[in-house]
Amino acid sequence: MRLGGVAGRSIEQTPDFGIDMENKSDKRQNVLYRIRKLVLRPFWQLRDIIYPPKYHPEKYWKARHRKHGFSLRGVGNWTRSNEENEEKYIRERAIFLDFCKKQGIDFKSVRILDVGCGTGFFAEAIRENGGTDYLGIDITDELLEGVAGKFPGFRFKKLDVAKDEMQGEFDLIIMISVAQHIVDEKRFSFAMQNIRRHLSENGTFIVTLWETDTYVHPNPHVVGRPVTYFQKEFEGYWFSEPERFGSKNLYAIRKYS
């Protein structure tokens, strides 16, 4: 199996010297970051209280994608090595595919929207499992040209789901590790209603959210919302039982039939 967006490198390949050096460099950077974080955390916290940082979603993700390119550190945990992020994403891919199977979803026969397509990781999982009618949207176009080249026949578009009205109707909408980055509540509500309006009558919305009983906002670009926030936006819809997905839960949401 080849990972989408990991610079064309297969996980079965025997690492060459250059990749080994890259991994060692990642580990050194990771150790240094953790030491800095431990020592400087009190000063960072005080700074953020005095001068609350501002989060501009499009600028933030454009800069992050530009820095990391198609490495999964860009869309995953940038403080971890490429190898650690790959291992995490491989586990999550298996959970996602198994969850879709449990929900009776056949990629071959549905119109698919991938909100926050990033490096195209889940686009590849969908294509390898028969999906053909696919649209990926992202808040920045930094990676879109490269992603489109990797997946001929799939469509990709720059669109902010929390600000721009979508077009079309979809049988499956997925939003993997994205909702927690919509930190403004008005934008969050717009995004959820945007998705609701464009989900087909018998369609399924698959979304990840943190397992939390209270609203938390640990840093400027991340929030954690209880499932009740989503239930409010999708009043009258059916929610599946949660499926553990790393540090989050997967939910399937659809209209009651």
C-alpha atoms as a PDB file:
ATOM      1  CA  MET A   1       0.000   0.000   0.000  1.00  0.00           C
ATOM      2  CA  ARG A   2       1.233   3.484  -0.827  1.00  0.00           C
ATOM      3  CA  LEU A   3       0.412   6.467   1.333  1.00  0.00           C
ATOM      4  CA  GLY A   4      -1.315   9.377  -0.379  1.00  0.00           C
ATOM      5  CA  GLY A   5       0.742  12.543  -0.199  1.00  0.00           C
ATOM      6  CA  VAL A   6       3.832  11.055   1.414  1.00  0.00           C
ATOM      7  CA  ALA A   7       6.133  12.134  -1.374  1.00  0.00           C
ATOM      8  CA  GLY A   8       5.469   8.966  -3.349  1.00  0.00           C
ATOM      9  CA  ARG A   9       7.224   6.785  -0.785  1.00  0.00           C
ATOM     10  CA  SER A  10       5.842   3.307  -0.132  1.00  0.00           C
ATOM     11  CA  ILE A  11       5.872   2.110   3.448  1.00  0.00           C
ATOM     12  CA  GLU A  12       7.084  -1.284   2.267  1.00  0.00           C
ATOM     13  CA  GLN A  13      10.245   0.209   0.786  1.00  0.00           C
ATOM     14  CA  THR A  14      13.511  -0.420   2.576  1.00  0.00           C
ATOM     15  CA  PRO A  15      14.589   3.001   3.884  1.00  0.00           C
ATOM     16  CA  ASP A  16      17.660   4.348   2.140  1.00  0.00           C
ATOM     17  CA  PHE A  17      20.379   6.388   3.804  1.00  0.00           C
ATOM     18  CA  GLY A  18      18.768   9.714   2.904  1.00  0.00           C
ATOM     19  CA  ILE A  19      15.442   8.756   4.488  1.00  0.00           C
ATOM     20  CA  ASP A  20      17.247   7.418   7.567  1.00  0.00           C
ATOM     21  CA  MET A  21      19.014  10.758   7.960  1.00  0.00           C
ATOM     22  CA  GLU A  22      15.670  12.538   7.519  1.00  0.00           C
ATOM     23  CA  ASN A  23      14.095  10.457  10.292  1.00  0.00           C
ATOM     24  CA  LYS A  24      17.054  11.133  12.605  1.00  0.00           C
ATOM     25  CA  SER A  25      16.680  14.846  11.905  1.00  0.00           C
ATOM     26  CA  ASP A  26      12.942  14.640  12.674  1.00  0.00           C
ATOM     27  CA  LYS A  27      13.680  12.903  15.981  1.00  0.00           C
ATOM     28  CA  ARG A  28      16.279  15.498  16.967  1.00  0.00           C
ATOM     29  CA  GLN A  29      13.843  18.313  16.166  1.00  0.00           C
ATOM     30  CA  ASN A  30      11.144  16.528  18.135  1.00  0.00           C
ATOM     31  CA  VAL A  31      13.359  16.168  21.235  1.00  0.00           C
ATOM     32  CA  LEU A  32      14.447  19.808  21.037  1.00  0.00           C
ATOM     33  CA  TYR A  33      10.836  20.926  20.671  1.00  0.00           C
ATOM     34  CA  ARG A  34       9.765  18.951  23.749  1.00  0.00           C
ATOM     35  CA  ILE A  35      12.607  20.407  25.830  1.00  0.00           C
ATOM     36  CA  ARG A  36      11.744  23.942  24.706  1.00  0.00           C
ATOM     37  CA  LYS A  37       8.057  23.313  25.388  1.00  0.00           C
ATOM     38  CA  LEU A  38       8.783  22.071  28.927  1.00  0.00           C
ATOM     39  CA  VAL A  39      11.054  24.995  29.783  1.00  0.00           C
ATOM     40  CA  LEU A  40       9.169  27.773  28.024  1.00  0.00           C
ATOM     41  CA  ARG A  41       5.554  26.686  28.579  1.00  0.00           C
ATOM     42  CA  PRO A  42       4.959  29.030  31.594  1.00  0.00           C
ATOM     43  CA  PHE A  43       6.269  31.998  29.605  1.00  0.00           C
ATOM     44  CA  TRP A  44       4.151  31.071  26.556  1.00  0.00           C
ATOM     45  CA  GLN A  45       1.053  30.804  28.736  1.00  0.00           C
ATOM     46  CA  LEU A  46       1.700  34.199  30.320  1.00  0.00           C
ATOM     47  CA  ARG A  47       2.324  35.742  26.889  1.00  0.00           C
ATOM     48  CA  ASP A  48      -0.947  34.322  25.553  1.00  0.00           C
ATOM     49  CA  ILE A  49      -2.858  35.769  28.505  1.00  0.00           C
ATOM     50  CA  ILE A  50      -1.380  39.235  27.996  1.00  0.00           C
ATOM     51  CA  TYR A  51      -1.415  39.132  24.185  1.00  0.00           C
ATOM     52  CA  PRO A  52      -3.996  36.580  23.025  1.00  0.00           C
ATOM     53  CA  PRO A  53      -2.815  35.189  19.678  1.00  0.00           C
ATOM     54  CA  LYS A  54      -5.077  35.560  16.660  1.00  0.00           C
ATOM     55  CA  TYR A  55      -5.899  32.622  14.418  1.00  0.00           C
ATOM     56  CA  HIS A  56      -6.436  33.283  10.723  1.00  0.00           C
ATOM     57  CA  PRO A  57      -7.407  29.859   9.330  1.00  0.00           C
ATOM     58  CA  GLU A  58      -6.477  30.317   5.666  1.00  0.00           C
ATOM     59  CA  LYS A  59      -3.148  31.998   6.419  1.00  0.00           C
ATOM     60  CA  TYR A  60      -2.318  29.428   9.099  1.00  0.00           C
ATOM     61  CA  TRP A  61      -2.948  26.385   6.887  1.00  0.00           C
ATOM     62  CA  LYS A  62      -1.340  27.920   3.836  1.00  0.00           C
ATOM     63  CA  ALA A  63       1.844  28.558   5.816  1.00  0.00           C
ATOM     64  CA  ARG A  64       1.745  25.111   7.389  1.00  0.00           C
ATOM     65  CA  HIS A  65       1.236  23.320   4.064  1.00  0.00           C
ATOM     66  CA  ARG A  66       3.948  25.425   2.448  1.00  0.00           C
ATOM     67  CA  LYS A  67       6.386  24.457   5.198  1.00  0.00           C
ATOM     68  CA  HIS A  68       5.654  20.712   5.291  1.00  0.00           C
ATOM     69  CA  GLY A  69       4.403  20.060   1.751  1.00  0.00           C
ATOM     70  CA  PHE A  70       2.994  16.558   1.346  1.00  0.00           C
ATOM     71  CA  SER A  71       4.508  15.289   4.586  1.00  0.00           C
ATOM     72  CA  LEU A  72       1.817  14.119   6.980  1.00  0.00           C
ATOM     73  CA  ARG A  73       3.395  16.378   9.578  1.00  0.00           C
ATOM     74  CA  GLY A  74       1.573  19.221   7.839  1.00  0.00           C
ATOM     75  CA  VAL A  75      -1.902  17.803   8.390  1.00  0.00           C
ATOM     76  CA  GLY A  76      -1.050  15.688  11.424  1.00  0.00           C
ATOM     77  CA  ASN A  77       1.150  16.374  14.438  1.00  0.00           C
ATOM     78  CA  TRP A  78       4.065  18.512  13.268  1.00  0.00           C
ATOM     79  CA  THR A  79       5.951  17.881  16.532  1.00  0.00           C
ATOM     80  CA  ARG A  80       6.155  14.166  15.654  1.00  0.00           C
ATOM     81  CA  SER A  81       8.351  12.557  13.027  1.00  0.00           C
ATOM     82  CA  ASN A  82       7.131  11.592   9.562  1.00  0.00           C
ATOM     83  CA  GLU A  83       7.307   7.959  10.598  1.00  0.00           C
ATOM     84  CA  GLU A  84       5.152   8.509  13.696  1.00  0.00           C
ATOM     85  CA  ASN A  85       2.560  10.417  11.681  1.00  0.00           C
ATOM     86  CA  GLU A  86       2.480   7.704   9.003  1.00  0.00           C
ATOM     87  CA  GLU A  87       1.887   5.000  11.594  1.00  0.00           C
ATOM     88  CA  LYS A  88      -0.964   7.035  13.112  1.00  0.00           C
ATOM     89  CA  TYR A  89      -2.594   7.690   9.740  1.00  0.00           C
ATOM     90  CA  ILE A  90      -2.347   4.048   8.694  1.00  0.00           C
ATOM     91  CA  ARG A  91      -4.223   3.051  11.862  1.00  0.00           C
ATOM     92  CA  GLU A  92      -6.844   5.727  11.268  1.00  0.00           C
ATOM     93  CA  ARG A  93      -7.274   4.714   7.633  1.00  0.00           C
ATOM     94  CA  ALA A  94      -8.150   1.164   8.719  1.00  0.00           C
ATOM     95  CA  ILE A  95     -10.623   2.456  11.319  1.00  0.00           C
ATOM     96  CA  PHE A  96     -12.238   4.792   8.773  1.00  0.00           C
ATOM     97  CA  LEU A  97     -12.677   2.085   6.141  1.00  0.00           C
ATOM     98  CA  ASP A  98     -14.069  -0.385   8.670  1.00  0.00           C
ATOM     99  CA  PHE A  99     -16.456   2.276  10.000  1.00  0.00           C
ATOM    100  CA  CYS A 100     -17.718   3.063   6.498  1.00  0.00           C
ATOM    101  CA  LYS A 101     -18.294  -0.641   5.920  1.00  0.00           C
ATOM    102  CA  LYS A 102     -20.327  -0.869   9.142  1.00  0.00           C
ATOM    103  CA  GLN A 103     -22.447   2.046   7.913  1.00  0.00           C
ATOM    104  CA  GLY A 104     -23.187   0.227   4.656  1.00  0.00           C
ATOM    105  CA  ILE A 105     -21.327   2.744   2.513  1.00  0.00           C
ATOM    106  CA  ASP A 106     -20.195   1.590  -0.937  1.00  0.00           C
ATOM    107  CA  PHE A 107     -17.717   4.099  -2.347  1.00  0.00           C
ATOM    108  CA  LYS A 108     -18.466   2.872  -5.868  1.00  0.00           C
ATOM    109  CA  SER A 109     -22.043   4.150  -5.810  1.00  0.00           C
ATOM    110  CA  VAL A 110     -21.955   7.445  -3.895  1.00  0.00           C
ATOM    111  CA  ARG A 111     -21.135  11.066  -4.595  1.00  0.00           C
ATOM    112  CA  ILE A 112     -18.364  11.952  -2.151  1.00  0.00           C
ATOM    113  CA  LEU A 113     -17.281  15.262  -0.648  1.00  0.00           C
ATOM    114  CA  ASP A 114     -14.045  15.346   1.379  1.00  0.00           C
ATOM    115  CA  VAL A 115     -13.956  18.507   3.539  1.00  0.00           C
ATOM    116  CA  GLY A 116     -10.350  19.455   4.282  1.00  0.00           C
ATOM    117  CA  CYS A 117      -8.746  17.066   1.791  1.00  0.00           C
ATOM    118  CA  GLY A 118      -5.202  18.239   2.633  1.00  0.00           C
ATOM    119  CA  THR A 119      -2.565  15.898   1.183  1.00  0.00           C
ATOM    120  CA  GLY A 120      -5.171  13.574  -0.332  1.00  0.00           C
ATOM    121  CA  PHE A 121      -4.630  10.809   2.210  1.00  0.00           C
ATOM    122  CA  PHE A 122      -8.279   9.802   2.433  1.00  0.00           C
ATOM    123  CA  ALA A 123      -8.787  10.469  -1.270  1.00  0.00           C
ATOM    124  CA  GLU A 124      -6.360   7.625  -1.901  1.00  0.00           C
ATOM    125  CA  ALA A 125      -8.187   5.321   0.528  1.00  0.00           C
ATOM    126  CA  ILE A 126     -11.456   6.078  -1.256  1.00  0.00           C
ATOM    127  CA  ARG A 127      -9.991   5.546  -4.725  1.00  0.00           C
ATOM    128  CA  GLU A 128      -8.372   2.251  -3.743  1.00  0.00           C
ATOM    129  CA  ASN A 129     -11.783   1.076  -2.529  1.00  0.00           C
ATOM    130  CA  GLY A 130     -13.675   1.890  -5.696  1.00  0.00           C
ATOM    131  CA  GLY A 131     -14.666   5.543  -5.305  1.00  0.00           C
ATOM    132  CA  THR A 132     -14.881   7.547  -8.526  1.00  0.00           C
ATOM    133  CA  ASP A 133     -17.280  10.468  -7.924  1.00  0.00           C
ATOM    134  CA  TYR A 134     -15.133  12.522  -5.559  1.00  0.00           C
ATOM    135  CA  LEU A 135     -14.706  16.211  -4.768  1.00  0.00           C
ATOM    136  CA  GLY A 136     -12.071  17.374  -2.292  1.00  0.00           C
ATOM    137  CA  ILE A 137     -12.188  20.898  -0.876  1.00  0.00           C
ATOM    138  CA  ASP A 138      -9.626  22.710   1.220  1.00  0.00           C
ATOM    139  CA  ILE A 139      -9.322  26.130   2.800  1.00  0.00           C
ATOM    140  CA  THR A 140      -6.069  26.785   0.909  1.00  0.00           C
ATOM    141  CA  ASP A 141      -4.946  25.900  -2.604  1.00  0.00           C
ATOM    142  CA  GLU A 142      -1.336  25.333  -1.531  1.00  0.00           C
ATOM    143  CA  LEU A 143      -1.447  21.553  -2.214  1.00  0.00           C
ATOM    144  CA  LEU A 144      -4.397  21.296  -4.606  1.00  0.00           C
ATOM    145  CA  GLU A 145      -2.457  21.290  -7.874  1.00  0.00           C
ATOM    146  CA  GLY A 146      -0.178  18.532  -6.632  1.00  0.00           C
ATOM    147  CA  VAL A 147      -3.074  16.501  -5.223  1.00  0.00           C
ATOM    148  CA  ALA A 148      -5.018  16.798  -8.473  1.00  0.00           C
ATOM    149  CA  GLY A 149      -2.007  15.420 -10.338  1.00  0.00           C
ATOM    150  CA  LYS A 150      -1.929  12.374  -8.071  1.00  0.00           C
ATOM    151  CA  PHE A 151      -5.599  11.512  -8.548  1.00  0.00           C
ATOM    152  CA  PRO A 152      -6.707  11.950 -12.176  1.00  0.00           C
ATOM    153  CA  GLY A 153     -10.481  11.951 -12.432  1.00  0.00           C
ATOM    154  CA  PHE A 154     -10.974  13.281  -8.922  1.00  0.00           C
ATOM    155  CA  ARG A 155     -11.965  16.937  -8.546  1.00  0.00           C
ATOM    156  CA  PHE A 156     -10.397  19.412  -6.124  1.00  0.00           C
ATOM    157  CA  LYS A 157     -11.421  22.938  -5.240  1.00  0.00           C
ATOM    158  CA  LYS A 158     -10.366  25.729  -2.898  1.00  0.00           C
ATOM    159  CA  LEU A 159     -13.336  26.421  -0.629  1.00  0.00           C
ATOM    160  CA  ASP A 160     -13.781  27.380   3.027  1.00  0.00           C
ATOM    161  CA  VAL A 161     -16.725  25.328   4.267  1.00  0.00           C
ATOM    162  CA  ALA A 162     -17.124  27.735   7.193  1.00  0.00           C
ATOM    163  CA  LYS A 163     -17.502  30.770   4.927  1.00  0.00           C
ATOM    164  CA  ASP A 164     -18.304  29.818   1.319  1.00  0.00           C
ATOM    165  CA  GLU A 165     -21.590  28.282   0.220  1.00  0.00           C
ATOM    166  CA  MET A 166     -21.061  24.873  -1.390  1.00  0.00           C
ATOM    167  CA  GLN A 167     -22.654  23.645  -4.596  1.00  0.00           C
ATOM    168  CA  GLY A 168     -24.197  20.289  -5.440  1.00  0.00           C
ATOM    169  CA  GLU A 169     -25.525  17.370  -3.448  1.00  0.00           C
ATOM    170  CA  PHE A 170     -23.532  14.525  -1.918  1.00  0.00           C
ATOM    171  CA  ASP A 171     -24.350  11.053  -0.625  1.00  0.00           C
ATOM    172  CA  LEU A 172     -21.261  10.919   1.587  1.00  0.00           C
ATOM    173  CA  ILE A 173     -19.555  13.890   3.213  1.00  0.00           C
ATOM    174  CA  ILE A 174     -16.461  13.249   5.305  1.00  0.00           C
ATOM    175  CA  MET A 175     -14.786  15.735   7.634  1.00  0.00           C
ATOM    176  CA  ILE A 176     -11.782  14.044   9.208  1.00  0.00           C
ATOM    177  CA  SER A 177      -9.783  15.999  11.814  1.00  0.00           C
ATOM    178  CA  VAL A 178     -11.161  19.323  10.573  1.00  0.00           C
ATOM    179  CA  ALA A 179     -14.073  20.414  12.784  1.00  0.00           C
ATOM    180  CA  GLN A 180     -11.797  21.099  15.764  1.00  0.00           C
ATOM    181  CA  HIS A 181      -9.959  23.728  13.710  1.00  0.00           C
ATOM    182  CA  ILE A 182     -13.104  25.811  13.156  1.00  0.00           C
ATOM    183  CA  VAL A 183     -12.725  27.710  16.405  1.00  0.00           C
ATOM    184  CA  ASP A 184     -15.283  30.477  15.863  1.00  0.00           C
ATOM    185  CA  GLU A 185     -18.800  29.372  16.819  1.00  0.00           C
ATOM    186  CA  LYS A 186     -20.567  31.334  14.068  1.00  0.00           C
ATOM    187  CA  ARG A 187     -18.247  29.815  11.473  1.00  0.00           C
ATOM    188  CA  PHE A 188     -18.756  26.379  12.990  1.00  0.00           C
ATOM    189  CA  SER A 189     -22.542  26.726  12.749  1.00  0.00           C
ATOM    190  CA  PHE A 190     -22.272  27.962   9.150  1.00  0.00           C
ATOM    191  CA  ALA A 191     -20.077  24.967   8.263  1.00  0.00           C
ATOM    192  CA  MET A 192     -22.478  22.444   9.788  1.00  0.00           C
ATOM    193  CA  GLN A 193     -25.522  24.003   8.103  1.00  0.00           C
ATOM    194  CA  ASN A 194     -23.587  24.209   4.839  1.00  0.00           C
ATOM    195  CA  ILE A 195     -22.987  20.465   5.051  1.00  0.00           C
ATOM    196  CA  ARG A 196     -26.559  19.765   6.114  1.00  0.00           C
ATOM    197  CA  ARG A 197     -27.952  21.678   3.105  1.00  0.00           C
ATOM    198  CA  HIS A 198     -25.830  19.710   0.645  1.00  0.00           C
ATOM    199  CA  LEU A 199     -26.236  16.234   2.109  1.00  0.00           C
ATOM    200  CA  SER A 200     -28.597  14.110   0.016  1.00  0.00           C
ATOM    201  CA  GLU A 201     -31.866  12.786   1.462  1.00  0.00           C
ATOM    202  CA  ASN A 202     -30.316   9.413   2.338  1.00  0.00           C
ATOM    203  CA  GLY A 203     -26.776  10.707   2.669  1.00  0.00           C
ATOM    204  CA  THR A 204     -24.270  10.158   5.473  1.00  0.00           C
ATOM    205  CA  PHE A 205     -22.013  12.724   7.142  1.00  0.00           C
ATOM    206  CA  ILE A 206     -18.933  11.228   8.805  1.00  0.00           C
ATOM    207  CA  VAL A 207     -17.114  13.550  11.188  1.00  0.00           C
ATOM    208  CA  THR A 208     -14.464  13.355  13.889  1.00  0.00           C
ATOM    209  CA  LEU A 209     -14.727  15.143  17.213  1.00  0.00           C
ATOM    210  CA  TRP A 210     -12.882  15.034  20.473  1.00  0.00           C
ATOM    211  CA  GLU A 211     -14.199  12.901  23.282  1.00  0.00           C
ATOM    212  CA  THR A 212     -15.043  15.630  25.765  1.00  0.00           C
ATOM    213  CA  ASP A 213     -17.991  16.496  28.003  1.00  0.00           C
ATOM    214  CA  THR A 214     -17.211  20.205  28.044  1.00  0.00           C
ATOM    215  CA  TYR A 215     -16.116  22.813  25.535  1.00  0.00           C
ATOM    216  CA  VAL A 216     -12.328  23.243  25.566  1.00  0.00           C
ATOM    217  CA  HIS A 217     -10.069  25.651  23.684  1.00  0.00           C
ATOM    218  CA  PRO A 218      -6.497  24.525  24.422  1.00  0.00           C
ATOM    219  CA  ASN A 219      -4.791  26.669  21.793  1.00  0.00           C
ATOM    220  CA  PRO A 220      -5.719  29.286  19.169  1.00  0.00           C
ATOM    221  CA  HIS A 221      -6.337  26.846  16.305  1.00  0.00           C
ATOM    222  CA  VAL A 222      -7.991  23.967  18.185  1.00  0.00           C
ATOM    223  CA  VAL A 223     -11.250  23.553  20.086  1.00  0.00           C
ATOM    224  CA  GLY A 224     -12.968  20.507  21.487  1.00  0.00           C
ATOM    225  CA  ARG A 225     -16.763  20.366  21.387  1.00  0.00           C
ATOM    226  CA  PRO A 226     -19.044  17.786  22.999  1.00  0.00           C
ATOM    227  CA  VAL A 227     -21.275  15.847  20.630  1.00  0.00           C
ATOM    228  CA  THR A 228     -24.227  17.966  21.839  1.00  0.00           C
ATOM    229  CA  TYR A 229     -22.897  20.875  19.758  1.00  0.00           C
ATOM    230  CA  PHE A 230     -23.247  18.728  16.638  1.00  0.00           C
ATOM    231  CA  GLN A 231     -26.634  17.370  17.716  1.00  0.00           C
ATOM    232  CA  LYS A 232     -27.904  20.929  17.983  1.00  0.00           C
ATOM    233  CA  GLU A 233     -26.810  21.666  14.408  1.00  0.00           C
ATOM    234  CA  PHE A 234     -28.304  18.386  13.143  1.00  0.00           C
ATOM    235  CA  GLU A 235     -31.520  18.363  15.132  1.00  0.00           C
ATOM    236  CA  GLY A 236     -33.754  15.511  14.025  1.00  0.00           C
ATOM    237  CA  TYR A 237     -30.857  13.486  12.615  1.00  0.00           C
ATOM    238  CA  TRP A 238     -29.635  10.054  13.680  1.00  0.00           C
ATOM    239  CA  PHE A 239     -26.188   9.773  15.282  1.00  0.00           C
ATOM    240  CA  SER A 240     -24.241   6.517  15.327  1.00  0.00           C
ATOM    241  CA  GLU A 241     -22.450   5.173  18.358  1.00  0.00           C
ATOM    242  CA  PRO A 242     -18.956   6.711  18.522  1.00  0.00           C
ATOM    243  CA  GLU A 243     -16.020   4.810  17.060  1.00  0.00           C
ATOM    244  CA  ARG A 244     -12.638   5.451  18.685  1.00  0.00           C
ATOM    245  CA  PHE A 245     -10.350   7.243  16.239  1.00  0.00           C
ATOM    246  CA  GLY A 246      -7.029   8.004  17.904  1.00  0.00           C
ATOM    247  CA  SER A 247      -7.655  10.880  20.317  1.00  0.00           C
ATOM    248  CA  LYS A 248     -11.051  11.533  18.730  1.00  0.00           C
ATOM    249  CA  ASN A 249     -14.307   9.745  17.943  1.00  0.00           C
ATOM    250  CA  LEU A 250     -15.882   9.047  14.574  1.00  0.00           C
ATOM    251  CA  TYR A 251     -19.606   9.626  14.167  1.00  0.00           C
ATOM    252  CA  ALA A 252     -21.969   8.933  11.294  1.00  0.00           C
ATOM    253  CA  ILE A 253     -24.883  11.366  11.000  1.00  0.00           C
ATOM    254  CA  ARG A 254     -27.918  10.967   8.766  1.00  0.00           C
ATOM    255  CA  LYS A 255     -31.603  11.752   8.576  1.00  0.00           C
ATOM    256  CA  TYR A 256     -33.977   9.382  10.279  1.00  0.00           C
ATOM    257  CA  SER A 257     -35.530   7.174   7.606  1.00  0.00           C
END
